[in-house]
Amino acid sequence: MIAQFDFLVAQGNRGTRHRDTRLSGLSPRLVEEMFELVQKINADGLSVLLMEQNVVQSLAIANRAYIIELGVV
């Protein structure tokens, strides 16, 4: 899973990427690595649409956030 993110970063492609990976149930270190990779992808100039239940960590790296609760924004 992390290798796939590394591949996207290494490509340098400015296209759109979609990744559906649930972070719940992963080790805390692996979750941290995934968030670091998302930040790296964004820092390289690629926009990231992150849909994640870990609100605290998601808001810490977000430039903008929309919260959906029970289907309401």
C-alpha atoms as a PDB file:
ATOM      1  CA  MET A   1       0.000   0.000   0.000  1.00  0.00           C
ATOM      2  CA  ILE A   2       2.713   2.492   0.900  1.00  0.00           C
ATOM      3  CA  ALA A   3       4.678   1.420  -2.162  1.00  0.00           C
ATOM      4  CA  GLN A   4       1.738   2.540  -4.307  1.00  0.00           C
ATOM      5  CA  PHE A   5       1.839   6.014  -2.746  1.00  0.00           C
ATOM      6  CA  ASP A   6       5.621   6.156  -3.244  1.00  0.00           C
ATOM      7  CA  PHE A   7       5.086   5.260  -6.899  1.00  0.00           C
ATOM      8  CA  LEU A   8       2.616   8.124  -7.365  1.00  0.00           C
ATOM      9  CA  VAL A   9       5.017  10.585  -5.766  1.00  0.00           C
ATOM     10  CA  ALA A  10       7.932   9.338  -7.862  1.00  0.00           C
ATOM     11  CA  GLN A  11       5.950   9.644 -11.114  1.00  0.00           C
ATOM     12  CA  GLY A  12       5.750  13.401 -10.870  1.00  0.00           C
ATOM     13  CA  ASN A  13       2.538  13.195 -12.892  1.00  0.00           C
ATOM     14  CA  ARG A  14       0.241  16.174 -12.311  1.00  0.00           C
ATOM     15  CA  GLY A  15      -2.923  14.239 -13.152  1.00  0.00           C
ATOM     16  CA  THR A  16      -5.673  13.214 -10.777  1.00  0.00           C
ATOM     17  CA  ARG A  17      -5.244  10.257  -8.471  1.00  0.00           C
ATOM     18  CA  HIS A  18      -7.851   8.367  -6.484  1.00  0.00           C
ATOM     19  CA  ARG A  19      -6.945   6.058  -3.678  1.00  0.00           C
ATOM     20  CA  ASP A  20      -9.501   4.249  -1.547  1.00  0.00           C
ATOM     21  CA  THR A  21      -7.618   2.968   1.455  1.00  0.00           C
ATOM     22  CA  ARG A  22      -9.082   2.623   4.900  1.00  0.00           C
ATOM     23  CA  LEU A  23      -6.625   3.570   7.588  1.00  0.00           C
ATOM     24  CA  SER A  24      -8.704   2.204  10.461  1.00  0.00           C
ATOM     25  CA  GLY A  25      -7.222  -0.989  11.814  1.00  0.00           C
ATOM     26  CA  LEU A  26      -3.687  -0.211  10.656  1.00  0.00           C
ATOM     27  CA  SER A  27      -0.838   0.257  13.087  1.00  0.00           C
ATOM     28  CA  PRO A  28      -0.409   3.845  14.339  1.00  0.00           C
ATOM     29  CA  ARG A  29       3.003   4.074  12.643  1.00  0.00           C
ATOM     30  CA  LEU A  30       1.595   2.956   9.293  1.00  0.00           C
ATOM     31  CA  VAL A  31      -1.231   5.499   9.574  1.00  0.00           C
ATOM     32  CA  GLU A  32       1.344   8.218  10.283  1.00  0.00           C
ATOM     33  CA  GLU A  33       3.358   7.160   7.227  1.00  0.00           C
ATOM     34  CA  MET A  34       0.248   7.326   5.040  1.00  0.00           C
ATOM     35  CA  PHE A  35      -0.547  10.851   6.217  1.00  0.00           C
ATOM     36  CA  GLU A  36       3.065  11.885   5.603  1.00  0.00           C
ATOM     37  CA  LEU A  37       2.835  10.530   2.057  1.00  0.00           C
ATOM     38  CA  VAL A  38      -0.401  12.415   1.423  1.00  0.00           C
ATOM     39  CA  GLN A  39       1.344  15.596   2.587  1.00  0.00           C
ATOM     40  CA  LYS A  40       4.300  14.865   0.311  1.00  0.00           C
ATOM     41  CA  ILE A  41       2.041  14.324  -2.696  1.00  0.00           C
ATOM     42  CA  ASN A  42       0.309  17.627  -1.961  1.00  0.00           C
ATOM     43  CA  ALA A  43       3.619  19.443  -1.441  1.00  0.00           C
ATOM     44  CA  ASP A  44       4.690  18.205  -4.879  1.00  0.00           C
ATOM     45  CA  GLY A  45       1.802  20.173  -6.380  1.00  0.00           C
ATOM     46  CA  LEU A  46      -0.909  17.534  -6.679  1.00  0.00           C
ATOM     47  CA  SER A  47      -4.293  18.280  -5.131  1.00  0.00           C
ATOM     48  CA  VAL A  48      -5.520  15.633  -2.723  1.00  0.00           C
ATOM     49  CA  LEU A  49      -9.129  14.841  -1.892  1.00  0.00           C
ATOM     50  CA  LEU A  50      -8.934  13.036   1.426  1.00  0.00           C
ATOM     51  CA  MET A  51     -11.980  11.228   2.776  1.00  0.00           C
ATOM     52  CA  GLU A  52     -11.016   9.983   6.193  1.00  0.00           C
ATOM     53  CA  GLN A  53     -12.671   9.284   9.534  1.00  0.00           C
ATOM     54  CA  ASN A  54      -9.611  10.384  11.511  1.00  0.00           C
ATOM     55  CA  VAL A  55     -10.788  14.000  11.785  1.00  0.00           C
ATOM     56  CA  VAL A  56      -8.036  15.298  14.058  1.00  0.00           C
ATOM     57  CA  GLN A  57      -5.184  14.080  11.886  1.00  0.00           C
ATOM     58  CA  SER A  58      -6.976  15.012   8.663  1.00  0.00           C
ATOM     59  CA  LEU A  59      -7.626  18.585   9.792  1.00  0.00           C
ATOM     60  CA  ALA A  60      -3.992  18.906  10.840  1.00  0.00           C
ATOM     61  CA  ILE A  61      -2.836  18.509   7.217  1.00  0.00           C
ATOM     62  CA  ALA A  62      -5.798  20.056   5.367  1.00  0.00           C
ATOM     63  CA  ASN A  63      -5.867  23.424   3.621  1.00  0.00           C
ATOM     64  CA  ARG A  64      -9.658  23.239   3.495  1.00  0.00           C
ATOM     65  CA  ALA A  65     -12.161  20.838   5.041  1.00  0.00           C
ATOM     66  CA  TYR A  66     -15.799  19.902   4.666  1.00  0.00           C
ATOM     67  CA  ILE A  67     -17.354  17.656   7.268  1.00  0.00           C
ATOM     68  CA  ILE A  68     -20.267  15.437   6.283  1.00  0.00           C
ATOM     69  CA  GLU A  69     -22.405  14.045   9.056  1.00  0.00           C
ATOM     70  CA  LEU A  70     -25.373  11.837   8.252  1.00  0.00           C
ATOM     71  CA  GLY A  71     -25.215  12.995   4.641  1.00  0.00           C
ATOM     72  CA  VAL A  72     -25.289  16.708   5.496  1.00  0.00           C
ATOM     73  CA  VAL A  73     -22.336  19.025   4.794  1.00  0.00           C
END
